[in-house]
Amino acid sequence: FYEEARRLGALITRNSERIEGCKLLVVTGGGPGIMEAANRGAHEAGGKSIGLNIVLPAEQAPNPYITPELCFQFHYFAARKMHFLMRARALVAFPGGYGTLDELFETLTLIQTGKTERLPILLFGEAFWRRLVDFDLLVEEGHIEATDLDLFHFVETAEQAWDEIAAFYGLGGCTPD
């Protein structure tokens, strides 16, 4: 997943520079792992990226690939999420833990209830997400509508993710490396 996130960061950066009027920047939680990979891809493609880091007692420091003037430190998760959602034009969720789930489900809930505009929500790695969340059960039990399953799409590659984002905004397909 690290390499796919890195490639996606680079694809977003390169395609955003190539397409007139497209102003997409990679924004991550600013930490290590997948977040670092996306920031790294943007950096290696010659672009800027944002890191919305959270101050935790024994956890992450900002990764070295965030554009220095675009590295922000937050004390509260709620404030961090608010700033993320104010700027988000897509949410790409890679397999992760509680923080990833919190951000994903809050975004889905805000879109489902009309509290924020719709944006592409991409779940990277269908096998992981289907094993983690039984979306069909949520529909069967009446907890969500069948149409709520249209709020997100599964993707397996950086190119698929870019193509979903590009299609949503009418930006055209992926360009080769």
C-alpha atoms as a PDB file:
ATOM      1  CA  PHE A   1       0.000   0.000   0.000  1.00  0.00           C
ATOM      2  CA  TYR A   2       2.952   2.330   0.631  1.00  0.00           C
ATOM      3  CA  GLU A   3       3.985   2.273  -3.029  1.00  0.00           C
ATOM      4  CA  GLU A   4       0.420   2.804  -4.262  1.00  0.00           C
ATOM      5  CA  ALA A   5       0.001   5.813  -1.946  1.00  0.00           C
ATOM      6  CA  ARG A   6       3.329   7.184  -3.133  1.00  0.00           C
ATOM      7  CA  ARG A   7       2.282   6.767  -6.774  1.00  0.00           C
ATOM      8  CA  LEU A   8      -1.085   8.372  -6.071  1.00  0.00           C
ATOM      9  CA  GLY A   9       0.595  11.388  -4.459  1.00  0.00           C
ATOM     10  CA  ALA A  10       2.740  11.770  -7.570  1.00  0.00           C
ATOM     11  CA  LEU A  11      -0.240  11.285  -9.945  1.00  0.00           C
ATOM     12  CA  ILE A  12      -2.316  13.914  -8.164  1.00  0.00           C
ATOM     13  CA  THR A  13       0.585  16.346  -8.239  1.00  0.00           C
ATOM     14  CA  ARG A  14       1.546  15.804 -11.881  1.00  0.00           C
ATOM     15  CA  ASN A  15      -2.013  15.795 -13.175  1.00  0.00           C
ATOM     16  CA  SER A  16      -2.940  18.863 -11.137  1.00  0.00           C
ATOM     17  CA  GLU A  17      -0.046  20.753 -12.720  1.00  0.00           C
ATOM     18  CA  ARG A  18      -0.943  19.474 -16.209  1.00  0.00           C
ATOM     19  CA  ILE A  19      -4.670  20.247 -16.151  1.00  0.00           C
ATOM     20  CA  GLU A  20      -5.623  23.918 -16.349  1.00  0.00           C
ATOM     21  CA  GLY A  21      -7.854  24.983 -13.476  1.00  0.00           C
ATOM     22  CA  CYS A  22      -7.113  21.840 -11.453  1.00  0.00           C
ATOM     23  CA  LYS A  23      -5.850  22.823  -8.046  1.00  0.00           C
ATOM     24  CA  LEU A  24      -5.545  19.606  -6.105  1.00  0.00           C
ATOM     25  CA  LEU A  25      -2.933  19.156  -3.384  1.00  0.00           C
ATOM     26  CA  VAL A  26      -2.147  16.055  -1.402  1.00  0.00           C
ATOM     27  CA  VAL A  27      -3.283  16.478   2.205  1.00  0.00           C
ATOM     28  CA  THR A  28      -2.498  13.817   4.810  1.00  0.00           C
ATOM     29  CA  GLY A  29      -2.450  13.456   8.555  1.00  0.00           C
ATOM     30  CA  GLY A  30       1.248  14.186   8.273  1.00  0.00           C
ATOM     31  CA  GLY A  31       2.517  11.073  10.006  1.00  0.00           C
ATOM     32  CA  PRO A  32       4.542   8.050   8.928  1.00  0.00           C
ATOM     33  CA  GLY A  33       3.474   5.068   6.810  1.00  0.00           C
ATOM     34  CA  ILE A  34       0.791   5.649   4.194  1.00  0.00           C
ATOM     35  CA  MET A  35       0.584   9.346   5.038  1.00  0.00           C
ATOM     36  CA  GLU A  36       4.321   9.712   4.461  1.00  0.00           C
ATOM     37  CA  ALA A  37       4.029   7.800   1.188  1.00  0.00           C
ATOM     38  CA  ALA A  38       1.438  10.218  -0.240  1.00  0.00           C
ATOM     39  CA  ASN A  39       3.443  13.283   0.847  1.00  0.00           C
ATOM     40  CA  ARG A  40       6.583  11.663  -0.554  1.00  0.00           C
ATOM     41  CA  GLY A  41       4.976  11.033  -3.936  1.00  0.00           C
ATOM     42  CA  ALA A  42       3.916  14.676  -4.182  1.00  0.00           C
ATOM     43  CA  HIS A  43       7.392  15.830  -3.125  1.00  0.00           C
ATOM     44  CA  GLU A  44       9.136  13.568  -5.619  1.00  0.00           C
ATOM     45  CA  ALA A  45       6.854  14.872  -8.381  1.00  0.00           C
ATOM     46  CA  GLY A  46       8.042  18.380  -7.564  1.00  0.00           C
ATOM     47  CA  GLY A  47       4.862  19.580  -5.882  1.00  0.00           C
ATOM     48  CA  LYS A  48       3.729  20.796  -2.520  1.00  0.00           C
ATOM     49  CA  SER A  49       1.701  18.802  -0.001  1.00  0.00           C
ATOM     50  CA  ILE A  50       0.005  19.522   3.293  1.00  0.00           C
ATOM     51  CA  GLY A  51       0.361  17.683   6.596  1.00  0.00           C
ATOM     52  CA  LEU A  52      -2.292  18.061   9.303  1.00  0.00           C
ATOM     53  CA  ASN A  53      -0.381  16.513  12.166  1.00  0.00           C
ATOM     54  CA  ILE A  54      -1.829  15.665  15.564  1.00  0.00           C
ATOM     55  CA  VAL A  55       0.103  16.204  18.770  1.00  0.00           C
ATOM     56  CA  LEU A  56       0.116  12.913  20.690  1.00  0.00           C
ATOM     57  CA  PRO A  57       2.111  11.965  23.807  1.00  0.00           C
ATOM     58  CA  ALA A  58       4.145   9.120  22.307  1.00  0.00           C
ATOM     59  CA  GLU A  59       3.258   9.077  18.646  1.00  0.00           C
ATOM     60  CA  GLN A  60       3.947  10.631  15.330  1.00  0.00           C
ATOM     61  CA  ALA A  61       6.155  13.489  14.330  1.00  0.00           C
ATOM     62  CA  PRO A  62       5.559  15.160  10.977  1.00  0.00           C
ATOM     63  CA  ASN A  63       7.062  13.221   8.091  1.00  0.00           C
ATOM     64  CA  PRO A  64       9.937  14.852   6.188  1.00  0.00           C
ATOM     65  CA  TYR A  65       8.084  15.084   2.846  1.00  0.00           C
ATOM     66  CA  ILE A  66       5.482  17.649   3.890  1.00  0.00           C
ATOM     67  CA  THR A  67       6.092  21.103   2.439  1.00  0.00           C
ATOM     68  CA  PRO A  68       7.505  22.869   5.533  1.00  0.00           C
ATOM     69  CA  GLU A  69       5.242  25.920   5.391  1.00  0.00           C
ATOM     70  CA  LEU A  70       2.227  23.608   4.952  1.00  0.00           C
ATOM     71  CA  CYS A  71       2.807  21.498   8.060  1.00  0.00           C
ATOM     72  CA  PHE A  72       0.221  22.207  10.729  1.00  0.00           C
ATOM     73  CA  GLN A  73       0.023  20.853  14.286  1.00  0.00           C
ATOM     74  CA  PHE A  74      -3.331  20.175  15.934  1.00  0.00           C
ATOM     75  CA  HIS A  75      -4.068  19.377  19.557  1.00  0.00           C
ATOM     76  CA  TYR A  76      -7.660  18.186  19.026  1.00  0.00           C
ATOM     77  CA  PHE A  77      -8.819  15.571  16.552  1.00  0.00           C
ATOM     78  CA  ALA A  78     -12.107  17.435  15.976  1.00  0.00           C
ATOM     79  CA  ALA A  79     -10.345  20.629  14.882  1.00  0.00           C
ATOM     80  CA  ARG A  80      -8.033  18.640  12.639  1.00  0.00           C
ATOM     81  CA  LYS A  81     -10.954  16.827  10.988  1.00  0.00           C
ATOM     82  CA  MET A  82     -12.810  20.089  10.478  1.00  0.00           C
ATOM     83  CA  HIS A  83      -9.817  21.624   8.678  1.00  0.00           C
ATOM     84  CA  PHE A  84      -9.359  18.474   6.624  1.00  0.00           C
ATOM     85  CA  LEU A  85     -12.994  18.385   5.500  1.00  0.00           C
ATOM     86  CA  MET A  86     -13.043  22.113   4.715  1.00  0.00           C
ATOM     87  CA  ARG A  87     -10.283  21.536   2.164  1.00  0.00           C
ATOM     88  CA  ALA A  88     -10.940  17.993   0.961  1.00  0.00           C
ATOM     89  CA  ARG A  89     -11.862  17.429  -2.671  1.00  0.00           C
ATOM     90  CA  ALA A  90     -11.586  13.643  -2.276  1.00  0.00           C
ATOM     91  CA  LEU A  91     -10.991  11.160   0.523  1.00  0.00           C
ATOM     92  CA  VAL A  92      -8.789   8.191  -0.210  1.00  0.00           C
ATOM     93  CA  ALA A  93      -8.836   5.799   2.738  1.00  0.00           C
ATOM     94  CA  PHE A  94      -6.099   3.198   2.829  1.00  0.00           C
ATOM     95  CA  PRO A  95      -6.281   0.370   5.373  1.00  0.00           C
ATOM     96  CA  GLY A  96      -5.775   1.901   8.788  1.00  0.00           C
ATOM     97  CA  GLY A  97      -6.875   1.979  12.384  1.00  0.00           C
ATOM     98  CA  TYR A  98      -9.293   3.939  14.524  1.00  0.00           C
ATOM     99  CA  GLY A  99      -8.211   7.319  13.173  1.00  0.00           C
ATOM    100  CA  THR A 100      -8.808   6.245   9.590  1.00  0.00           C
ATOM    101  CA  LEU A 101     -12.195   4.781  10.503  1.00  0.00           C
ATOM    102  CA  ASP A 102     -13.164   7.922  12.421  1.00  0.00           C
ATOM    103  CA  GLU A 103     -12.332  10.172   9.467  1.00  0.00           C
ATOM    104  CA  LEU A 104     -13.998   7.866   6.953  1.00  0.00           C
ATOM    105  CA  PHE A 105     -17.260   7.410   8.836  1.00  0.00           C
ATOM    106  CA  GLU A 106     -17.562  11.062   9.824  1.00  0.00           C
ATOM    107  CA  THR A 107     -17.113  12.042   6.177  1.00  0.00           C
ATOM    108  CA  LEU A 108     -19.657   9.462   5.018  1.00  0.00           C
ATOM    109  CA  THR A 109     -22.124  10.641   7.678  1.00  0.00           C
ATOM    110  CA  LEU A 110     -21.731  14.323   6.770  1.00  0.00           C
ATOM    111  CA  ILE A 111     -22.275  13.596   3.080  1.00  0.00           C
ATOM    112  CA  GLN A 112     -25.153  11.174   3.760  1.00  0.00           C
ATOM    113  CA  THR A 113     -26.960  13.770   5.883  1.00  0.00           C
ATOM    114  CA  GLY A 114     -26.270  16.660   3.505  1.00  0.00           C
ATOM    115  CA  LYS A 115     -24.080  18.541   5.987  1.00  0.00           C
ATOM    116  CA  THR A 116     -21.223  18.713   3.482  1.00  0.00           C
ATOM    117  CA  GLU A 117     -20.959  18.514  -0.284  1.00  0.00           C
ATOM    118  CA  ARG A 118     -20.401  15.195  -1.960  1.00  0.00           C
ATOM    119  CA  LEU A 119     -16.851  14.290  -2.869  1.00  0.00           C
ATOM    120  CA  PRO A 120     -15.199  11.120  -4.105  1.00  0.00           C
ATOM    121  CA  ILE A 121     -14.610   8.645  -1.293  1.00  0.00           C
ATOM    122  CA  LEU A 122     -12.264   5.880  -2.334  1.00  0.00           C
ATOM    123  CA  LEU A 123     -11.559   2.823  -0.218  1.00  0.00           C
ATOM    124  CA  PHE A 124      -8.195   1.403  -1.184  1.00  0.00           C
ATOM    125  CA  GLY A 125      -8.078  -2.391  -1.054  1.00  0.00           C
ATOM    126  CA  GLU A 126     -11.565  -3.861  -1.395  1.00  0.00           C
ATOM    127  CA  ALA A 127     -10.691  -7.129   0.374  1.00  0.00           C
ATOM    128  CA  PHE A 128      -9.616  -5.246   3.506  1.00  0.00           C
ATOM    129  CA  TRP A 129     -12.672  -2.989   3.629  1.00  0.00           C
ATOM    130  CA  ARG A 130     -15.190  -5.743   2.921  1.00  0.00           C
ATOM    131  CA  ARG A 131     -13.668  -7.867   5.668  1.00  0.00           C
ATOM    132  CA  LEU A 132     -13.642  -4.951   8.119  1.00  0.00           C
ATOM    133  CA  VAL A 133     -17.125  -3.574   7.448  1.00  0.00           C
ATOM    134  CA  ASP A 134     -20.117  -5.573   6.296  1.00  0.00           C
ATOM    135  CA  PHE A 135     -21.726  -2.789   4.293  1.00  0.00           C
ATOM    136  CA  ASP A 136     -24.391  -5.138   2.943  1.00  0.00           C
ATOM    137  CA  LEU A 137     -25.445  -6.026   6.487  1.00  0.00           C
ATOM    138  CA  LEU A 138     -25.917  -2.325   7.255  1.00  0.00           C
ATOM    139  CA  VAL A 139     -28.362  -2.143   4.340  1.00  0.00           C
ATOM    140  CA  GLU A 140     -30.092  -5.447   5.205  1.00  0.00           C
ATOM    141  CA  GLU A 141     -30.623  -4.324   8.800  1.00  0.00           C
ATOM    142  CA  GLY A 142     -31.988  -0.955   7.676  1.00  0.00           C
ATOM    143  CA  HIS A 143     -29.182   1.111   9.203  1.00  0.00           C
ATOM    144  CA  ILE A 144     -28.301   2.716   5.879  1.00  0.00           C
ATOM    145  CA  GLU A 145     -30.070   2.914   2.525  1.00  0.00           C
ATOM    146  CA  ALA A 146     -28.882   0.859  -0.437  1.00  0.00           C
ATOM    147  CA  THR A 147     -28.145   4.151  -2.202  1.00  0.00           C
ATOM    148  CA  ASP A 148     -25.672   5.014   0.572  1.00  0.00           C
ATOM    149  CA  LEU A 149     -23.372   2.363  -0.890  1.00  0.00           C
ATOM    150  CA  ASP A 150     -22.939   4.744  -3.848  1.00  0.00           C
ATOM    151  CA  LEU A 151     -21.157   7.241  -1.581  1.00  0.00           C
ATOM    152  CA  PHE A 152     -17.877   5.344  -1.965  1.00  0.00           C
ATOM    153  CA  HIS A 153     -15.953   3.224  -4.444  1.00  0.00           C
ATOM    154  CA  PHE A 154     -13.313   0.551  -4.004  1.00  0.00           C
ATOM    155  CA  VAL A 155      -9.990   0.993  -5.817  1.00  0.00           C
ATOM    156  CA  GLU A 156      -6.882  -1.143  -6.057  1.00  0.00           C
ATOM    157  CA  THR A 157      -4.352   1.072  -7.827  1.00  0.00           C
ATOM    158  CA  ALA A 158      -3.209   4.676  -7.854  1.00  0.00           C
ATOM    159  CA  GLU A 159      -4.397   4.958 -11.439  1.00  0.00           C
ATOM    160  CA  GLN A 160      -7.908   3.760 -10.552  1.00  0.00           C
ATOM    161  CA  ALA A 161      -8.033   6.271  -7.701  1.00  0.00           C
ATOM    162  CA  TRP A 162      -6.950   9.158  -9.960  1.00  0.00           C
ATOM    163  CA  ASP A 163      -9.430   8.086 -12.642  1.00  0.00           C
ATOM    164  CA  GLU A 164     -12.285   8.156 -10.088  1.00  0.00           C
ATOM    165  CA  ILE A 165     -11.279  11.626  -8.898  1.00  0.00           C
ATOM    166  CA  ALA A 166     -10.801  12.874 -12.456  1.00  0.00           C
ATOM    167  CA  ALA A 167     -14.177  11.473 -13.566  1.00  0.00           C
ATOM    168  CA  PHE A 168     -15.951  13.092 -10.619  1.00  0.00           C
ATOM    169  CA  TYR A 169     -14.526  16.511 -11.527  1.00  0.00           C
ATOM    170  CA  GLY A 170     -14.426  16.011 -15.317  1.00  0.00           C
ATOM    171  CA  LEU A 171     -10.638  16.299 -15.439  1.00  0.00           C
ATOM    172  CA  GLY A 172      -9.728  13.533 -17.868  1.00  0.00           C
ATOM    173  CA  GLY A 173      -7.889  10.305 -17.262  1.00  0.00           C
ATOM    174  CA  CYS A 174      -4.550   9.342 -15.911  1.00  0.00           C
ATOM    175  CA  THR A 175      -1.356  10.284 -17.712  1.00  0.00           C
ATOM    176  CA  PRO A 176       1.460   7.742 -17.887  1.00  0.00           C
ATOM    177  CA  ASP A 177       4.536   8.135 -15.682  1.00  0.00           C
END
